[in-house]
Amino acid sequence: MVEPARPGEYETLTSETVYEGRVITLVKDTVAMPGGGDSVREVVRHIGAVAVAAVDDEGRVVLLRQYRHPVGGYLWEIPAGLRDADGEAPLATAQRELAEEAGLAAERWSLLVNSYSTPGFCDEQVLIYLAEGLSEVDRPEGFTVEHEELDMTVERVPLADAVQRVFDGGIRNATAVIGLLAAAQARAVSPRLRPVDAD
């Protein structure tokens, strides 16, 4: 939950769109500061994303090795995707992404955490789900594997080993780090999780 600013604090005085793309929009906001004066903030507006910590009955989590151009190399991640399907609920997006990227469906879904990936300059919010009771399914009709996904590796790794990879520096994708640590904690102590349709 985002705590709103109090009236009169951090008021946006002007907003200029600098760039508008398929996934992101870059805006330049002039913001009134509570102590007086104003400041310019460059903000990346993002459509949002979902991710899935998918854990099978043997306690193994699904990991993907995928090339990420901004960092110029491969990262180990959990299944994830953009909320770019018009009108699709976040859980449905997560279910679709798990089927598309890993060829899996799940019997049980829980909302683990919400994460603002880089709130210093971007409003991207990622909803991370725990998926359990996995079974193999066909890829969704009409889905075509292309681009970086053609080169993607899918593995199942014991959850404890994946968590150790986080601490060893082998998993650096922020969403994967959060999802794996949250999944391990949820399975260890059974905290009260929010309904899957919460945001």
N, C-alpha and C. Protein backbone atom coordinates (compact mmCIF):
# COMPACT_ATOMS: atom_id res chain seq x y z
N MET A 1 0.84 -1.18 0.00
CA MET A 1 0.00 0.00 0.00
C MET A 1 0.88 1.24 0.00
N VAL A 2 0.50 2.21 -0.81
CA VAL A 2 1.26 3.46 -0.88
C VAL A 2 0.57 4.49 -0.01
N GLU A 3 1.32 5.05 0.94
CA GLU A 3 0.76 6.10 1.78
C GLU A 3 0.78 7.40 0.99
N PRO A 4 -0.39 7.99 0.74
CA PRO A 4 -0.41 9.22 -0.07
C PRO A 4 0.23 10.39 0.67
N ALA A 5 0.78 11.32 -0.10
CA ALA A 5 1.34 12.53 0.49
C ALA A 5 0.21 13.37 1.08
N ARG A 6 0.52 14.14 2.11
CA ARG A 6 -0.48 15.01 2.70
C ARG A 6 -0.79 16.17 1.75
N PRO A 7 -1.98 16.74 1.81
CA PRO A 7 -2.33 17.86 0.92
C PRO A 7 -1.29 18.97 1.01
N GLY A 8 -0.89 19.46 -0.15
CA GLY A 8 0.08 20.54 -0.20
C GLY A 8 1.52 20.07 -0.25
N GLU A 9 1.77 18.77 -0.03
CA GLU A 9 3.12 18.23 -0.10
C GLU A 9 3.36 17.61 -1.47
N TYR A 10 4.51 17.86 -2.03
CA TYR A 10 4.94 17.21 -3.25
C TYR A 10 3.90 17.29 -4.37
N GLU A 11 3.34 18.46 -4.55
CA GLU A 11 2.34 18.66 -5.60
C GLU A 11 3.05 18.75 -6.95
N THR A 12 2.51 18.02 -7.95
CA THR A 12 3.06 18.09 -9.30
C THR A 12 2.57 19.37 -9.96
N LEU A 13 3.50 20.24 -10.30
CA LEU A 13 3.15 21.53 -10.89
C LEU A 13 3.00 21.43 -12.40
N THR A 14 3.90 20.72 -13.05
CA THR A 14 3.82 20.49 -14.48
C THR A 14 4.30 19.08 -14.78
N SER A 15 3.84 18.53 -15.90
CA SER A 15 4.27 17.20 -16.32
C SER A 15 4.40 17.20 -17.84
N GLU A 16 5.57 16.78 -18.32
CA GLU A 16 5.85 16.76 -19.76
C GLU A 16 6.25 15.35 -20.17
N THR A 17 5.59 14.82 -21.19
CA THR A 17 5.96 13.50 -21.72
C THR A 17 7.16 13.67 -22.64
N VAL A 18 8.25 12.99 -22.29
CA VAL A 18 9.49 13.07 -23.06
C VAL A 18 9.56 11.96 -24.10
N TYR A 19 9.06 10.78 -23.72
CA TYR A 19 9.11 9.62 -24.61
C TYR A 19 7.95 8.70 -24.26
N GLU A 20 7.32 8.11 -25.28
CA GLU A 20 6.26 7.14 -25.05
C GLU A 20 6.52 5.91 -25.89
N GLY A 21 6.72 4.78 -25.23
CA GLY A 21 7.00 3.52 -25.91
C GLY A 21 5.93 2.49 -25.62
N ARG A 22 6.20 1.24 -26.01
CA ARG A 22 5.22 0.16 -25.83
C ARG A 22 5.08 -0.22 -24.36
N VAL A 23 6.20 -0.22 -23.63
CA VAL A 23 6.21 -0.68 -22.24
C VAL A 23 6.35 0.46 -21.25
N ILE A 24 7.15 1.46 -21.61
CA ILE A 24 7.41 2.57 -20.69
C ILE A 24 7.09 3.91 -21.32
N THR A 25 6.85 4.88 -20.45
CA THR A 25 6.72 6.28 -20.83
C THR A 25 7.62 7.07 -19.90
N LEU A 26 8.42 7.97 -20.46
CA LEU A 26 9.29 8.82 -19.65
C LEU A 26 8.66 10.21 -19.55
N VAL A 27 8.43 10.66 -18.32
CA VAL A 27 7.87 11.99 -18.11
C VAL A 27 8.81 12.81 -17.25
N LYS A 28 8.72 14.13 -17.43
CA LYS A 28 9.51 15.06 -16.62
C LYS A 28 8.51 15.88 -15.82
N ASP A 29 8.50 15.66 -14.51
CA ASP A 29 7.59 16.36 -13.61
C ASP A 29 8.34 17.45 -12.85
N THR A 30 7.69 18.58 -12.69
CA THR A 30 8.18 19.61 -11.78
C THR A 30 7.32 19.52 -10.54
N VAL A 31 7.97 19.29 -9.39
CA VAL A 31 7.26 18.98 -8.15
C VAL A 31 7.57 20.02 -7.09
N ALA A 32 6.51 20.54 -6.47
CA ALA A 32 6.68 21.47 -5.35
C ALA A 32 7.18 20.71 -4.13
N MET A 33 8.24 21.23 -3.49
CA MET A 33 8.81 20.59 -2.32
C MET A 33 8.18 21.16 -1.05
N PRO A 34 7.97 20.33 -0.03
CA PRO A 34 7.30 20.80 1.19
C PRO A 34 8.06 21.91 1.91
N GLY A 35 9.37 21.96 1.75
CA GLY A 35 10.15 23.00 2.41
C GLY A 35 10.26 24.28 1.59
N GLY A 36 9.56 24.33 0.45
CA GLY A 36 9.63 25.48 -0.43
C GLY A 36 10.44 25.17 -1.68
N GLY A 37 10.14 25.88 -2.74
CA GLY A 37 10.82 25.66 -4.00
C GLY A 37 10.26 24.45 -4.72
N ASP A 38 10.89 24.13 -5.84
CA ASP A 38 10.45 22.97 -6.60
C ASP A 38 11.65 22.23 -7.16
N SER A 39 11.41 21.03 -7.69
CA SER A 39 12.48 20.21 -8.22
C SER A 39 11.94 19.40 -9.39
N VAL A 40 12.81 19.10 -10.35
CA VAL A 40 12.42 18.32 -11.51
C VAL A 40 12.71 16.84 -11.24
N ARG A 41 11.73 15.99 -11.55
CA ARG A 41 11.87 14.55 -11.39
C ARG A 41 11.59 13.88 -12.72
N GLU A 42 12.54 13.07 -13.19
CA GLU A 42 12.32 12.25 -14.38
C GLU A 42 11.74 10.92 -13.90
N VAL A 43 10.58 10.56 -14.43
CA VAL A 43 9.85 9.39 -13.94
C VAL A 43 9.55 8.46 -15.12
N VAL A 44 9.87 7.18 -14.94
CA VAL A 44 9.50 6.16 -15.91
C VAL A 44 8.17 5.57 -15.46
N ARG A 45 7.16 5.73 -16.30
CA ARG A 45 5.85 5.11 -16.05
C ARG A 45 5.86 3.74 -16.73
N HIS A 46 5.44 2.73 -16.00
CA HIS A 46 5.55 1.34 -16.47
C HIS A 46 4.20 0.65 -16.34
N ILE A 47 3.90 -0.27 -17.25
CA ILE A 47 2.58 -0.92 -17.24
C ILE A 47 2.42 -1.95 -16.13
N GLY A 48 3.51 -2.33 -15.48
CA GLY A 48 3.42 -3.28 -14.38
C GLY A 48 3.70 -4.70 -14.84
N ALA A 49 3.94 -5.58 -13.88
CA ALA A 49 4.32 -6.95 -14.19
C ALA A 49 3.86 -7.89 -13.08
N VAL A 50 3.95 -9.17 -13.40
CA VAL A 50 3.70 -10.23 -12.43
C VAL A 50 4.86 -11.21 -12.48
N ALA A 51 5.02 -11.99 -11.43
CA ALA A 51 6.04 -13.03 -11.40
C ALA A 51 5.51 -14.19 -10.57
N VAL A 52 6.12 -15.36 -10.78
CA VAL A 52 5.61 -16.58 -10.15
C VAL A 52 6.76 -17.39 -9.54
N ALA A 53 6.70 -17.61 -8.24
CA ALA A 53 7.57 -18.58 -7.58
C ALA A 53 6.80 -19.90 -7.61
N ALA A 54 7.13 -20.73 -8.59
CA ALA A 54 6.41 -21.99 -8.81
C ALA A 54 7.20 -23.12 -8.16
N VAL A 55 6.59 -23.76 -7.15
CA VAL A 55 7.27 -24.78 -6.37
C VAL A 55 6.52 -26.11 -6.52
N ASP A 56 7.24 -27.15 -6.94
CA ASP A 56 6.58 -28.44 -7.17
C ASP A 56 6.47 -29.24 -5.88
N ASP A 57 5.89 -30.44 -5.98
CA ASP A 57 5.64 -31.26 -4.80
C ASP A 57 6.91 -31.79 -4.15
N GLU A 58 8.03 -31.70 -4.86
CA GLU A 58 9.31 -32.13 -4.31
C GLU A 58 10.09 -30.95 -3.72
N GLY A 59 9.46 -29.78 -3.66
CA GLY A 59 10.11 -28.61 -3.08
C GLY A 59 11.10 -27.93 -4.01
N ARG A 60 10.96 -28.19 -5.31
CA ARG A 60 11.84 -27.55 -6.30
C ARG A 60 11.13 -26.35 -6.91
N VAL A 61 11.88 -25.29 -7.14
CA VAL A 61 11.33 -24.07 -7.72
C VAL A 61 11.77 -23.97 -9.18
N VAL A 62 10.90 -23.42 -10.00
CA VAL A 62 11.18 -23.25 -11.42
C VAL A 62 12.02 -21.99 -11.63
N LEU A 63 13.18 -22.15 -12.26
CA LEU A 63 14.05 -21.03 -12.58
C LEU A 63 14.27 -20.97 -14.09
N LEU A 64 14.40 -19.76 -14.59
CA LEU A 64 14.64 -19.52 -16.01
C LEU A 64 15.96 -18.79 -16.16
N ARG A 65 16.74 -19.20 -17.14
CA ARG A 65 17.97 -18.49 -17.49
C ARG A 65 17.68 -17.76 -18.80
N GLN A 66 17.71 -16.42 -18.74
CA GLN A 66 17.31 -15.63 -19.89
C GLN A 66 18.28 -14.48 -20.13
N TYR A 67 18.54 -14.21 -21.41
CA TYR A 67 19.39 -13.08 -21.78
C TYR A 67 18.63 -11.78 -21.52
N ARG A 68 19.30 -10.82 -20.87
CA ARG A 68 18.71 -9.50 -20.61
C ARG A 68 19.65 -8.45 -21.20
N HIS A 69 19.22 -7.83 -22.26
CA HIS A 69 20.08 -6.90 -22.98
C HIS A 69 20.59 -5.73 -22.14
N PRO A 70 19.77 -5.10 -21.28
CA PRO A 70 20.29 -3.97 -20.51
C PRO A 70 21.52 -4.29 -19.67
N VAL A 71 21.64 -5.55 -19.20
CA VAL A 71 22.82 -5.91 -18.41
C VAL A 71 23.84 -6.68 -19.24
N GLY A 72 23.52 -6.95 -20.50
CA GLY A 72 24.45 -7.58 -21.41
C GLY A 72 24.81 -9.00 -21.08
N GLY A 73 23.85 -9.75 -20.52
CA GLY A 73 24.15 -11.13 -20.19
C GLY A 73 22.92 -11.88 -19.72
N TYR A 74 23.16 -13.09 -19.24
CA TYR A 74 22.08 -13.97 -18.80
C TYR A 74 21.83 -13.80 -17.30
N LEU A 75 20.56 -13.85 -16.91
CA LEU A 75 20.17 -13.81 -15.51
C LEU A 75 19.28 -15.01 -15.21
N TRP A 76 19.42 -15.53 -13.99
CA TRP A 76 18.47 -16.54 -13.50
C TRP A 76 17.28 -15.79 -12.90
N GLU A 77 16.09 -16.20 -13.30
CA GLU A 77 14.87 -15.50 -12.91
C GLU A 77 13.79 -16.51 -12.58
N ILE A 78 12.65 -16.02 -12.12
CA ILE A 78 11.45 -16.83 -12.00
C ILE A 78 10.52 -16.42 -13.14
N PRO A 79 9.56 -17.27 -13.52
CA PRO A 79 8.65 -16.88 -14.60
C PRO A 79 7.98 -15.54 -14.29
N ALA A 80 7.92 -14.69 -15.30
CA ALA A 80 7.38 -13.34 -15.10
C ALA A 80 6.96 -12.76 -16.43
N GLY A 81 6.17 -11.72 -16.36
CA GLY A 81 5.77 -11.06 -17.59
C GLY A 81 5.05 -9.75 -17.34
N LEU A 82 4.90 -9.00 -18.40
CA LEU A 82 4.25 -7.70 -18.35
C LEU A 82 2.74 -7.83 -18.25
N ARG A 83 2.14 -6.86 -17.61
CA ARG A 83 0.68 -6.77 -17.57
C ARG A 83 0.22 -5.97 -18.79
N ASP A 84 0.49 -6.54 -19.97
CA ASP A 84 0.22 -5.81 -21.20
C ASP A 84 -1.01 -6.30 -21.95
N ALA A 85 -1.71 -7.31 -21.40
CA ALA A 85 -2.94 -7.78 -22.04
C ALA A 85 -4.10 -6.96 -21.49
N ASP A 86 -4.74 -6.23 -22.36
CA ASP A 86 -5.79 -5.29 -21.95
C ASP A 86 -6.90 -5.99 -21.18
N GLY A 87 -7.15 -5.52 -19.96
CA GLY A 87 -8.25 -6.04 -19.15
C GLY A 87 -7.98 -7.36 -18.45
N GLU A 88 -6.78 -7.92 -18.61
CA GLU A 88 -6.47 -9.21 -17.98
C GLU A 88 -6.12 -9.00 -16.51
N ALA A 89 -6.76 -9.76 -15.63
CA ALA A 89 -6.47 -9.67 -14.19
C ALA A 89 -5.04 -10.14 -13.92
N PRO A 90 -4.40 -9.59 -12.89
CA PRO A 90 -3.01 -9.98 -12.61
C PRO A 90 -2.81 -11.49 -12.43
N LEU A 91 -3.73 -12.16 -11.72
CA LEU A 91 -3.59 -13.60 -11.54
C LEU A 91 -3.66 -14.33 -12.88
N ALA A 92 -4.55 -13.92 -13.75
CA ALA A 92 -4.65 -14.54 -15.07
C ALA A 92 -3.36 -14.33 -15.85
N THR A 93 -2.75 -13.15 -15.70
CA THR A 93 -1.48 -12.91 -16.36
C THR A 93 -0.41 -13.85 -15.82
N ALA A 94 -0.37 -14.02 -14.50
CA ALA A 94 0.60 -14.93 -13.89
C ALA A 94 0.39 -16.36 -14.37
N GLN A 95 -0.86 -16.80 -14.45
CA GLN A 95 -1.15 -18.15 -14.92
C GLN A 95 -0.72 -18.32 -16.37
N ARG A 96 -0.99 -17.31 -17.18
CA ARG A 96 -0.60 -17.37 -18.60
C ARG A 96 0.92 -17.41 -18.74
N GLU A 97 1.63 -16.56 -17.99
CA GLU A 97 3.08 -16.53 -18.08
C GLU A 97 3.71 -17.85 -17.65
N LEU A 98 3.16 -18.47 -16.61
CA LEU A 98 3.69 -19.76 -16.16
C LEU A 98 3.52 -20.80 -17.26
N ALA A 99 2.38 -20.78 -17.95
CA ALA A 99 2.15 -21.72 -19.05
C ALA A 99 3.04 -21.42 -20.24
N GLU A 100 3.18 -20.14 -20.58
CA GLU A 100 3.99 -19.75 -21.73
C GLU A 100 5.47 -20.05 -21.53
N GLU A 101 5.99 -19.67 -20.38
CA GLU A 101 7.44 -19.76 -20.17
C GLU A 101 7.90 -21.12 -19.67
N ALA A 102 7.06 -21.82 -18.91
CA ALA A 102 7.50 -23.08 -18.31
C ALA A 102 6.63 -24.27 -18.70
N GLY A 103 5.53 -24.05 -19.43
CA GLY A 103 4.65 -25.15 -19.79
C GLY A 103 3.99 -25.78 -18.59
N LEU A 104 3.62 -24.95 -17.59
CA LEU A 104 3.06 -25.45 -16.34
C LEU A 104 1.78 -24.75 -15.95
N ALA A 105 0.95 -25.48 -15.21
CA ALA A 105 -0.22 -24.92 -14.53
C ALA A 105 -0.08 -25.26 -13.05
N ALA A 106 -0.87 -24.59 -12.20
CA ALA A 106 -0.80 -24.83 -10.76
C ALA A 106 -2.20 -24.97 -10.18
N GLU A 107 -2.34 -25.85 -9.20
CA GLU A 107 -3.62 -26.04 -8.51
C GLU A 107 -3.87 -24.95 -7.48
N ARG A 108 -2.80 -24.49 -6.81
CA ARG A 108 -2.94 -23.54 -5.71
C ARG A 108 -2.12 -22.29 -5.99
N TRP A 109 -2.77 -21.15 -5.78
CA TRP A 109 -2.12 -19.85 -6.00
C TRP A 109 -2.27 -18.99 -4.75
N SER A 110 -1.21 -18.29 -4.38
CA SER A 110 -1.24 -17.33 -3.28
C SER A 110 -0.49 -16.08 -3.72
N LEU A 111 -0.93 -14.92 -3.26
CA LEU A 111 -0.19 -13.68 -3.50
C LEU A 111 0.85 -13.55 -2.41
N LEU A 112 2.13 -13.58 -2.81
CA LEU A 112 3.22 -13.48 -1.84
C LEU A 112 3.48 -12.03 -1.45
N VAL A 113 3.88 -11.22 -2.43
CA VAL A 113 4.30 -9.85 -2.15
C VAL A 113 4.03 -8.95 -3.34
N ASN A 114 3.98 -7.65 -3.05
CA ASN A 114 4.02 -6.59 -4.07
C ASN A 114 5.37 -5.92 -3.95
N SER A 115 5.92 -5.53 -5.07
CA SER A 115 7.22 -4.87 -5.03
C SER A 115 7.27 -3.74 -6.04
N TYR A 116 7.71 -2.55 -5.59
CA TYR A 116 8.06 -1.48 -6.52
C TYR A 116 9.53 -1.72 -6.86
N SER A 117 9.81 -2.04 -8.12
CA SER A 117 11.15 -2.49 -8.48
C SER A 117 12.21 -1.40 -8.30
N THR A 118 11.95 -0.19 -8.71
CA THR A 118 12.92 0.90 -8.59
C THR A 118 12.18 2.21 -8.34
N PRO A 119 11.62 2.42 -7.15
CA PRO A 119 10.74 3.56 -6.91
C PRO A 119 11.44 4.92 -6.91
N GLY A 120 12.77 4.93 -6.98
CA GLY A 120 13.46 6.21 -7.06
C GLY A 120 13.22 6.91 -8.38
N PHE A 121 12.87 6.14 -9.43
CA PHE A 121 12.63 6.79 -10.73
C PHE A 121 11.55 6.09 -11.56
N CYS A 122 10.98 4.99 -11.07
CA CYS A 122 10.04 4.21 -11.88
C CYS A 122 8.87 3.75 -11.01
N ASP A 123 7.66 3.74 -11.61
CA ASP A 123 6.48 3.32 -10.84
C ASP A 123 6.09 1.87 -11.09
N GLU A 124 6.99 1.08 -11.71
CA GLU A 124 6.67 -0.33 -11.97
C GLU A 124 6.36 -1.06 -10.66
N GLN A 125 5.20 -1.72 -10.65
CA GLN A 125 4.85 -2.58 -9.52
C GLN A 125 4.77 -4.02 -10.02
N VAL A 126 5.40 -4.93 -9.27
CA VAL A 126 5.38 -6.34 -9.61
C VAL A 126 4.62 -7.09 -8.53
N LEU A 127 3.62 -7.86 -8.93
CA LEU A 127 2.90 -8.74 -8.01
C LEU A 127 3.51 -10.13 -8.15
N ILE A 128 3.98 -10.68 -7.04
CA ILE A 128 4.67 -11.97 -7.06
C ILE A 128 3.79 -13.02 -6.38
N TYR A 129 3.51 -14.10 -7.12
CA TYR A 129 2.63 -15.15 -6.65
C TYR A 129 3.42 -16.41 -6.31
N LEU A 130 2.87 -17.20 -5.39
CA LEU A 130 3.35 -18.55 -5.11
C LEU A 130 2.40 -19.51 -5.80
N ALA A 131 2.94 -20.39 -6.63
CA ALA A 131 2.15 -21.40 -7.34
C ALA A 131 2.60 -22.78 -6.88
N GLU A 132 1.64 -23.61 -6.48
CA GLU A 132 1.95 -24.95 -5.99
C GLU A 132 1.00 -25.96 -6.63
N GLY A 133 1.36 -27.24 -6.52
CA GLY A 133 0.56 -28.26 -7.18
C GLY A 133 0.72 -28.17 -8.69
N LEU A 134 1.96 -28.25 -9.15
CA LEU A 134 2.28 -28.00 -10.56
C LEU A 134 1.97 -29.21 -11.43
N SER A 135 1.55 -28.94 -12.66
CA SER A 135 1.36 -29.99 -13.66
C SER A 135 1.71 -29.41 -15.02
N GLU A 136 2.14 -30.29 -15.91
CA GLU A 136 2.52 -29.85 -17.24
C GLU A 136 1.28 -29.56 -18.09
N VAL A 137 1.37 -28.50 -18.89
CA VAL A 137 0.29 -28.13 -19.82
C VAL A 137 0.91 -27.70 -21.13
N ASP A 138 0.08 -27.71 -22.18
CA ASP A 138 0.53 -27.17 -23.46
C ASP A 138 0.65 -25.66 -23.37
N ARG A 139 1.49 -25.10 -24.18
CA ARG A 139 1.58 -23.64 -24.25
C ARG A 139 0.23 -23.11 -24.74
N PRO A 140 -0.16 -21.91 -24.27
CA PRO A 140 -1.45 -21.35 -24.69
C PRO A 140 -1.56 -21.24 -26.21
N GLU A 141 -2.77 -21.44 -26.70
CA GLU A 141 -3.02 -21.35 -28.14
C GLU A 141 -2.65 -19.96 -28.65
N GLY A 142 -1.93 -19.91 -29.74
CA GLY A 142 -1.53 -18.64 -30.33
C GLY A 142 -0.21 -18.10 -29.81
N PHE A 143 0.33 -18.73 -28.75
CA PHE A 143 1.60 -18.26 -28.21
C PHE A 143 2.75 -18.78 -29.06
N THR A 144 3.67 -17.89 -29.42
CA THR A 144 4.84 -18.26 -30.20
C THR A 144 6.10 -17.92 -29.41
N VAL A 145 6.98 -18.89 -29.25
CA VAL A 145 8.26 -18.64 -28.59
C VAL A 145 9.15 -17.88 -29.57
N GLU A 146 9.64 -16.71 -29.14
CA GLU A 146 10.47 -15.90 -30.03
C GLU A 146 11.48 -15.08 -29.25
N HIS A 147 12.38 -14.47 -29.98
CA HIS A 147 13.40 -13.57 -29.43
C HIS A 147 14.21 -14.25 -28.33
N GLU A 148 14.40 -13.60 -27.17
CA GLU A 148 15.22 -14.16 -26.10
C GLU A 148 14.66 -15.46 -25.55
N GLU A 149 13.34 -15.64 -25.65
CA GLU A 149 12.76 -16.87 -25.11
C GLU A 149 13.17 -18.11 -25.89
N LEU A 150 13.63 -17.94 -27.13
CA LEU A 150 14.13 -19.08 -27.90
C LEU A 150 15.40 -19.65 -27.28
N ASP A 151 16.11 -18.83 -26.54
CA ASP A 151 17.39 -19.18 -25.95
C ASP A 151 17.27 -19.42 -24.44
N MET A 152 16.05 -19.51 -23.94
CA MET A 152 15.82 -19.58 -22.50
C MET A 152 15.95 -21.02 -22.00
N THR A 153 16.59 -21.18 -20.85
CA THR A 153 16.72 -22.47 -20.18
C THR A 153 15.75 -22.52 -19.01
N VAL A 154 15.05 -23.64 -18.84
CA VAL A 154 14.13 -23.83 -17.72
C VAL A 154 14.66 -24.98 -16.87
N GLU A 155 14.79 -24.72 -15.57
CA GLU A 155 15.27 -25.76 -14.64
C GLU A 155 14.41 -25.77 -13.39
N ARG A 156 14.38 -26.91 -12.73
CA ARG A 156 13.79 -27.00 -11.39
C ARG A 156 14.93 -27.25 -10.41
N VAL A 157 14.98 -26.40 -9.39
CA VAL A 157 16.08 -26.42 -8.43
C VAL A 157 15.47 -26.48 -7.03
N PRO A 158 16.01 -27.28 -6.11
CA PRO A 158 15.49 -27.25 -4.74
C PRO A 158 15.43 -25.81 -4.23
N LEU A 159 14.32 -25.45 -3.60
CA LEU A 159 14.12 -24.07 -3.17
C LEU A 159 15.26 -23.59 -2.28
N ALA A 160 15.73 -24.45 -1.38
CA ALA A 160 16.85 -24.05 -0.50
C ALA A 160 18.10 -23.74 -1.31
N ASP A 161 18.34 -24.49 -2.39
CA ASP A 161 19.51 -24.24 -3.23
C ASP A 161 19.35 -22.91 -3.98
N ALA A 162 18.13 -22.62 -4.43
CA ALA A 162 17.88 -21.35 -5.12
C ALA A 162 18.10 -20.18 -4.16
N VAL A 163 17.65 -20.32 -2.92
CA VAL A 163 17.88 -19.27 -1.93
C VAL A 163 19.38 -19.08 -1.70
N GLN A 164 20.14 -20.19 -1.63
CA GLN A 164 21.58 -20.07 -1.45
C GLN A 164 22.23 -19.36 -2.65
N ARG A 165 21.69 -19.60 -3.86
CA ARG A 165 22.19 -18.90 -5.04
C ARG A 165 22.01 -17.38 -4.89
N VAL A 166 20.92 -16.97 -4.25
CA VAL A 166 20.72 -15.54 -3.99
C VAL A 166 21.87 -15.01 -3.15
N PHE A 167 22.19 -15.70 -2.05
CA PHE A 167 23.24 -15.24 -1.14
C PHE A 167 24.63 -15.37 -1.75
N ASP A 168 24.78 -16.30 -2.70
CA ASP A 168 26.06 -16.46 -3.39
C ASP A 168 26.25 -15.45 -4.51
N GLY A 169 25.20 -14.69 -4.83
CA GLY A 169 25.29 -13.72 -5.92
C GLY A 169 24.96 -14.29 -7.28
N GLY A 170 24.50 -15.53 -7.33
CA GLY A 170 24.17 -16.15 -8.61
C GLY A 170 22.80 -15.77 -9.14
N ILE A 171 21.93 -15.27 -8.27
CA ILE A 171 20.61 -14.77 -8.68
C ILE A 171 20.55 -13.32 -8.25
N ARG A 172 20.44 -12.43 -9.25
CA ARG A 172 20.50 -10.99 -8.99
C ARG A 172 19.27 -10.23 -9.45
N ASN A 173 18.42 -10.88 -10.21
CA ASN A 173 17.19 -10.23 -10.64
C ASN A 173 16.36 -9.93 -9.39
N ALA A 174 16.00 -8.66 -9.18
CA ALA A 174 15.34 -8.26 -7.94
C ALA A 174 14.04 -9.01 -7.69
N THR A 175 13.25 -9.19 -8.74
CA THR A 175 11.98 -9.90 -8.57
C THR A 175 12.22 -11.34 -8.17
N ALA A 176 13.23 -11.99 -8.76
CA ALA A 176 13.55 -13.36 -8.39
C ALA A 176 14.04 -13.44 -6.95
N VAL A 177 14.90 -12.51 -6.55
CA VAL A 177 15.40 -12.49 -5.18
C VAL A 177 14.24 -12.39 -4.20
N ILE A 178 13.36 -11.42 -4.43
CA ILE A 178 12.22 -11.22 -3.54
C ILE A 178 11.31 -12.45 -3.54
N GLY A 179 11.00 -12.95 -4.74
CA GLY A 179 10.08 -14.08 -4.85
C GLY A 179 10.62 -15.33 -4.18
N LEU A 180 11.90 -15.61 -4.38
CA LEU A 180 12.48 -16.82 -3.79
C LEU A 180 12.55 -16.73 -2.27
N LEU A 181 12.99 -15.58 -1.75
CA LEU A 181 13.06 -15.43 -0.29
C LEU A 181 11.67 -15.47 0.33
N ALA A 182 10.69 -14.83 -0.32
CA ALA A 182 9.32 -14.84 0.20
C ALA A 182 8.73 -16.25 0.14
N ALA A 183 8.97 -16.98 -0.95
CA ALA A 183 8.44 -18.34 -1.07
C ALA A 183 9.04 -19.24 0.00
N ALA A 184 10.34 -19.12 0.23
CA ALA A 184 10.99 -19.94 1.26
C ALA A 184 10.41 -19.64 2.64
N GLN A 185 10.21 -18.36 2.93
CA GLN A 185 9.65 -17.98 4.23
C GLN A 185 8.20 -18.46 4.36
N ALA A 186 7.43 -18.30 3.29
CA ALA A 186 6.02 -18.72 3.34
C ALA A 186 5.91 -20.22 3.57
N ARG A 187 6.76 -20.99 2.95
CA ARG A 187 6.70 -22.44 3.11
C ARG A 187 7.27 -22.88 4.46
N ALA A 188 8.14 -22.05 5.05
CA ALA A 188 8.75 -22.41 6.33
C ALA A 188 7.84 -22.12 7.52
N VAL A 189 7.14 -20.99 7.47
CA VAL A 189 6.39 -20.57 8.67
C VAL A 189 4.89 -20.36 8.42
N SER A 190 4.42 -20.55 7.20
CA SER A 190 3.00 -20.43 6.87
C SER A 190 2.38 -19.13 7.37
N PRO A 191 2.88 -17.97 6.92
CA PRO A 191 2.26 -16.71 7.33
C PRO A 191 0.88 -16.55 6.70
N ARG A 192 0.11 -15.60 7.18
CA ARG A 192 -1.19 -15.31 6.57
C ARG A 192 -0.93 -14.54 5.28
N LEU A 193 -1.33 -15.10 4.15
CA LEU A 193 -1.14 -14.46 2.86
C LEU A 193 -2.44 -13.80 2.42
N ARG A 194 -2.29 -12.77 1.62
CA ARG A 194 -3.47 -12.05 1.12
C ARG A 194 -4.19 -12.83 0.01
N PRO A 195 -5.45 -12.53 -0.23
CA PRO A 195 -6.15 -13.18 -1.33
C PRO A 195 -5.45 -12.90 -2.65
N VAL A 196 -5.58 -13.83 -3.60
CA VAL A 196 -4.88 -13.67 -4.87
C VAL A 196 -5.35 -12.48 -5.67
N ASP A 197 -6.53 -11.96 -5.36
CA ASP A 197 -7.02 -10.80 -6.12
C ASP A 197 -6.71 -9.46 -5.41
N ALA A 198 -5.92 -9.51 -4.33
CA ALA A 198 -5.51 -8.27 -3.67
C ALA A 198 -4.49 -7.58 -4.56
N ASP A 199 -4.31 -6.26 -4.35
CA ASP A 199 -3.26 -5.57 -5.13
C ASP A 199 -2.46 -4.66 -4.22
